[in-house]
């Protein structure tokens, strides 16, 4: 220990050398301390990881650089040779030549090995830490907070960010780290966009990520999906929409199923008409050795070229994320979020006008989150006090539970600092939202040279067993011939049961035409 102290003092030749010695030594000691605390489970905060694996190694390297600079300055100031300075700064027994070299040389060699091991360990730990979801979500808290909150509430909350955003392989890792350098710069100097633009162009291909777990060849049959919604009346009357989703497999053997689109032999390509991929210029599908193209006849081609940024003019091959664009960072639709809360009992449906009051409070205009929390509370209680003149109801347990639930829904979906509002990040799944989803391609305007449109029949991808109905399987019940919708009821029933039937007039629901 005494020799080490003498060695340290010998290196601290001036202020530069002293600072270098202090930085190197303290960074090493703190790194070891933080690692021991982390292994003991005492320190788990991601910001401690930023200090341990990024700040401390950087200070350590800076110190190593300053030590020789200080020595060089000292030699220049004294005008003496290195040998003379070594004799002056270190005891004779440390500089005296021996069979295997002097003690000073041996100590330098040992410390060099320690430095290399430390930097190697620190670098490995840094890469491991930077690949953790906690780092991705909390290191740049202000920027990534919306994505981090949405991720934690998603079905993929236990899948690490890097599994999709980086993928496997050295090339993918290098590309991600190089792209990350700009992210660091933009976060440091407040250059990032608000909200974060989508779609993300640096994502790995879906076949390298999604299909590690979701293998299209193993998707079988149909899946029954029931959506429970509620009316805006006083009783918040429940309504059911039940669909038999024709998921199909990725073998491409059965046309008209959803995952037919991602079978390699059925390659589907498209040219988006805008950066958000909300509208399509054209779509083409492989048929044998060629492609059959459908073109949107309602779009202004010149406007498309002007609207698309550089790099977006190349056709894109359709994959999972063209429909599942919010597979993980899912931002809820306000009405669906309220319906889910009513269905689960988080909001008591016995409250008068529960759906109406909840939705109006949730979608009010608020300047920030604090104002939203107060505004939601005031809106709900105010309705029952002002409109129903019921003070007991306004202050009751059920009303408190509604307010708390609505505040939680708002907090996990709206982030004013990042300009994330309702429907800032809409989903392309289905066609019941503002993006048109499936109808971006399946619509009356997308036709081939013969004028034939891409099919857009309602039963193309799902059978309909109930649609805003009183029961979950309304269209499987016996047909009431007196019902004005009896023909549609019969057709949907036969379609699900596999009975040949002609669609009733007016049944096929065309997509909304795209704006010119």
Foldseek 3Di string as FASTA:
>chain_A
DVQVVLLLQLLPLDPLSVQLSCLQVVLVVVLVVLVVCVVVVNDDALVSVCCNQPVSLVSNVSSVVSSVVSVVVNCVVVVDDPVVSCPVSHPCQQQPADPVGGVVVVVVVVVVVVNVVVNVVSNVSNVVSCQAQSCVDPVLPQQRVLQSLLQCVAPCVVPTPCLWQQFDDPVSVVVVVVVVVVVVVCSVVVNAAFNHDDDDPRTDDCCRHVCVPVPQQPDDAWDKDKAWAFDQAFLRAIFIWIKTFQQHGLCLPDPLADNVLANPQFWKKFQALAPRSLATQKIWTDDPPDIFIWGQPFDDPVSSVVHYDPPRRDIDTDDDCLQVVPNRSDADALRSLQRVCCVVVLQPSNHTSRSVQLSCLLQDDAQALVRSLVSSLCSQLVCCCPVVVDNCVSPDPNSVSSSVSSSVSNVSHDGVSSPGDRPPPDGLHDQPDDSRRVLSQQAQRTGGPVSDGRHQFPPSRIQIQGDRHNDHRNLCDDADPVDPCRQQSVVSNCVVVVHDDDRDPPRGDGGDRDHD
